[in-house]
N, C-alpha and C. Protein backbone atom coordinates (compact mmCIF):
# COMPACT_ATOMS: atom_id res chain seq x y z
N MET A 1 -106.85 106.66 -45.74
CA MET A 1 -107.62 105.54 -46.24
C MET A 1 -109.10 105.80 -45.95
N PRO A 2 -109.96 105.60 -46.97
CA PRO A 2 -111.40 105.83 -46.75
C PRO A 2 -112.00 104.80 -45.80
N ASP A 3 -113.01 105.21 -45.09
CA ASP A 3 -113.71 104.33 -44.15
C ASP A 3 -114.51 103.30 -44.94
N ILE A 4 -114.22 102.02 -44.71
CA ILE A 4 -114.87 100.93 -45.45
C ILE A 4 -116.38 100.91 -45.21
N ASN A 5 -116.80 101.31 -44.01
CA ASN A 5 -118.24 101.35 -43.72
C ASN A 5 -118.96 102.36 -44.60
N VAL A 6 -118.31 103.50 -44.83
CA VAL A 6 -118.90 104.54 -45.67
C VAL A 6 -119.00 104.04 -47.11
N ILE A 7 -117.95 103.41 -47.59
CA ILE A 7 -117.94 102.88 -48.96
C ILE A 7 -119.06 101.86 -49.15
N VAL A 8 -119.16 100.91 -48.23
CA VAL A 8 -120.16 99.85 -48.37
C VAL A 8 -121.57 100.41 -48.30
N ARG A 9 -121.83 101.28 -47.34
CA ARG A 9 -123.20 101.79 -47.22
C ARG A 9 -123.59 102.64 -48.43
N LYS A 10 -122.65 103.41 -48.98
CA LYS A 10 -122.95 104.19 -50.17
C LYS A 10 -123.21 103.28 -51.37
N ASN A 11 -122.44 102.20 -51.47
CA ASN A 11 -122.65 101.27 -52.58
C ASN A 11 -123.95 100.50 -52.45
N ILE A 12 -124.37 100.20 -51.24
CA ILE A 12 -125.67 99.56 -51.04
C ILE A 12 -126.78 100.49 -51.50
N ARG A 13 -126.71 101.73 -51.06
CA ARG A 13 -127.73 102.71 -51.44
C ARG A 13 -127.74 102.92 -52.95
N LYS A 14 -126.57 103.05 -53.55
CA LYS A 14 -126.46 103.26 -54.99
C LYS A 14 -127.09 102.08 -55.76
N ALA A 15 -126.77 100.87 -55.36
CA ALA A 15 -127.32 99.68 -56.02
C ALA A 15 -128.83 99.59 -55.83
N ARG A 16 -129.28 99.92 -54.62
CA ARG A 16 -130.72 99.87 -54.33
C ARG A 16 -131.48 100.86 -55.20
N LEU A 17 -130.98 102.08 -55.27
CA LEU A 17 -131.65 103.11 -56.07
C LEU A 17 -131.58 102.79 -57.56
N ALA A 18 -130.47 102.23 -58.02
CA ALA A 18 -130.34 101.86 -59.43
C ALA A 18 -131.38 100.82 -59.84
N GLN A 19 -131.80 100.02 -58.88
CA GLN A 19 -132.82 98.99 -59.16
C GLN A 19 -134.23 99.48 -58.86
N GLY A 20 -134.33 100.71 -58.42
CA GLY A 20 -135.65 101.28 -58.14
C GLY A 20 -136.31 100.69 -56.90
N LEU A 21 -135.49 100.20 -55.98
CA LEU A 21 -136.03 99.58 -54.76
C LEU A 21 -136.11 100.60 -53.62
N THR A 22 -137.15 100.49 -52.85
CA THR A 22 -137.22 101.25 -51.61
C THR A 22 -136.42 100.49 -50.55
N GLN A 23 -136.16 101.15 -49.45
CA GLN A 23 -135.49 100.47 -48.34
C GLN A 23 -136.36 99.30 -47.87
N GLU A 24 -137.65 99.52 -47.84
CA GLU A 24 -138.58 98.47 -47.41
C GLU A 24 -138.54 97.26 -48.36
N ALA A 25 -138.51 97.53 -49.66
CA ALA A 25 -138.46 96.43 -50.63
C ALA A 25 -137.15 95.65 -50.52
N LEU A 26 -136.05 96.36 -50.34
CA LEU A 26 -134.76 95.68 -50.17
C LEU A 26 -134.78 94.84 -48.90
N ALA A 27 -135.30 95.40 -47.83
CA ALA A 27 -135.38 94.66 -46.57
C ALA A 27 -136.20 93.38 -46.73
N PHE A 28 -137.30 93.47 -47.43
CA PHE A 28 -138.14 92.30 -47.67
C PHE A 28 -137.38 91.24 -48.44
N LYS A 29 -136.70 91.65 -49.51
CA LYS A 29 -135.94 90.70 -50.32
C LYS A 29 -134.79 90.06 -49.53
N ALA A 30 -134.18 90.85 -48.63
CA ALA A 30 -133.04 90.36 -47.85
C ALA A 30 -133.48 89.66 -46.56
N LYS A 31 -134.78 89.69 -46.30
CA LYS A 31 -135.33 89.11 -45.07
C LYS A 31 -134.72 89.78 -43.82
N LEU A 32 -134.69 91.12 -43.88
CA LEU A 32 -134.21 91.93 -42.77
C LEU A 32 -135.28 92.97 -42.44
N HIS A 33 -135.19 93.56 -41.28
CA HIS A 33 -136.17 94.60 -40.89
C HIS A 33 -135.91 95.85 -41.71
N ARG A 34 -136.98 96.51 -42.14
CA ARG A 34 -136.82 97.70 -42.98
C ARG A 34 -136.03 98.80 -42.28
N ALA A 35 -136.20 98.95 -40.98
CA ALA A 35 -135.46 99.98 -40.25
C ALA A 35 -133.96 99.69 -40.26
N TYR A 36 -133.60 98.42 -40.29
CA TYR A 36 -132.19 98.04 -40.30
C TYR A 36 -131.50 98.58 -41.56
N ILE A 37 -132.15 98.47 -42.70
CA ILE A 37 -131.58 98.98 -43.95
C ILE A 37 -131.34 100.47 -43.84
N GLY A 38 -132.30 101.19 -43.31
CA GLY A 38 -132.15 102.63 -43.13
C GLY A 38 -131.00 102.97 -42.20
N HIS A 39 -130.90 102.25 -41.10
CA HIS A 39 -129.81 102.47 -40.15
C HIS A 39 -128.46 102.24 -40.81
N VAL A 40 -128.36 101.18 -41.59
CA VAL A 40 -127.10 100.86 -42.28
C VAL A 40 -126.75 101.96 -43.28
N GLU A 41 -127.71 102.35 -44.11
CA GLU A 41 -127.44 103.36 -45.13
C GLU A 41 -127.07 104.71 -44.53
N ARG A 42 -127.60 105.03 -43.38
CA ARG A 42 -127.27 106.30 -42.71
C ARG A 42 -126.02 106.20 -41.85
N GLY A 43 -125.45 105.03 -41.75
CA GLY A 43 -124.24 104.85 -40.96
C GLY A 43 -124.49 104.81 -39.47
N GLU A 44 -125.71 104.55 -39.08
CA GLU A 44 -126.06 104.49 -37.66
C GLU A 44 -125.81 103.12 -37.07
N ARG A 45 -125.54 102.17 -37.95
CA ARG A 45 -125.36 100.80 -37.50
C ARG A 45 -124.36 100.09 -38.40
N SER A 46 -123.50 99.32 -37.82
CA SER A 46 -122.60 98.47 -38.59
C SER A 46 -123.30 97.15 -38.84
N MET A 47 -122.84 96.44 -39.84
CA MET A 47 -123.48 95.16 -40.12
C MET A 47 -122.46 94.04 -40.12
N GLY A 48 -122.95 92.87 -39.82
CA GLY A 48 -122.11 91.68 -39.85
C GLY A 48 -122.04 91.13 -41.26
N LEU A 49 -121.16 90.18 -41.44
CA LEU A 49 -120.98 89.59 -42.76
C LEU A 49 -122.21 88.85 -43.25
N THR A 50 -122.93 88.22 -42.36
CA THR A 50 -124.13 87.48 -42.77
C THR A 50 -125.17 88.43 -43.37
N ASN A 51 -125.39 89.55 -42.71
CA ASN A 51 -126.37 90.52 -43.23
C ASN A 51 -125.86 91.19 -44.50
N LEU A 52 -124.56 91.42 -44.58
CA LEU A 52 -124.00 91.97 -45.80
C LEU A 52 -124.23 91.01 -46.96
N GLN A 53 -124.06 89.74 -46.72
CA GLN A 53 -124.30 88.73 -47.75
C GLN A 53 -125.78 88.71 -48.16
N LYS A 54 -126.68 88.80 -47.19
CA LYS A 54 -128.12 88.83 -47.49
C LYS A 54 -128.46 90.03 -48.38
N ILE A 55 -127.88 91.18 -48.06
CA ILE A 55 -128.15 92.39 -48.83
C ILE A 55 -127.60 92.25 -50.24
N ALA A 56 -126.37 91.75 -50.37
CA ALA A 56 -125.77 91.56 -51.69
C ALA A 56 -126.61 90.61 -52.53
N MET A 57 -127.06 89.53 -51.94
CA MET A 57 -127.89 88.56 -52.66
C MET A 57 -129.22 89.19 -53.08
N ALA A 58 -129.82 89.98 -52.19
CA ALA A 58 -131.10 90.63 -52.51
C ALA A 58 -130.92 91.65 -53.64
N LEU A 59 -129.75 92.28 -53.69
CA LEU A 59 -129.47 93.24 -54.75
C LEU A 59 -128.94 92.56 -56.02
N ASP A 60 -128.68 91.27 -55.91
CA ASP A 60 -128.13 90.49 -57.02
C ASP A 60 -126.81 91.08 -57.51
N VAL A 61 -125.94 91.41 -56.54
CA VAL A 61 -124.60 91.90 -56.84
C VAL A 61 -123.58 91.02 -56.12
N ASN A 62 -122.41 90.95 -56.69
CA ASN A 62 -121.33 90.24 -56.03
C ASN A 62 -120.93 91.04 -54.80
N ILE A 63 -120.78 90.36 -53.68
CA ILE A 63 -120.49 91.05 -52.43
C ILE A 63 -119.23 91.91 -52.53
N LYS A 64 -118.25 91.48 -53.32
CA LYS A 64 -117.01 92.26 -53.45
C LYS A 64 -117.27 93.61 -54.13
N ASN A 65 -118.31 93.69 -54.96
CA ASN A 65 -118.63 94.97 -55.60
C ASN A 65 -119.08 96.03 -54.60
N LEU A 66 -119.55 95.61 -53.45
CA LEU A 66 -119.98 96.58 -52.44
C LEU A 66 -118.78 97.23 -51.75
N PHE A 67 -117.60 96.67 -51.95
CA PHE A 67 -116.38 97.22 -51.34
C PHE A 67 -115.61 98.14 -52.29
N ASP A 68 -116.01 98.18 -53.55
CA ASP A 68 -115.29 98.99 -54.54
C ASP A 68 -115.70 100.44 -54.51
């Protein structure tokens, strides 16, 4: 079974890049620290559901799409 953390972080990065957003721009939209986005995308940090929801909302994607 694939690691869910890897799937989510790759989907966050993919969605961010598809929208032409930098990590800093995504962090601003999600009201999170820019370093946090980088840590999440590199797998250096796990995230809670609240921050996952903030990121999904900032990317304007359904949160369940980040798990696919």
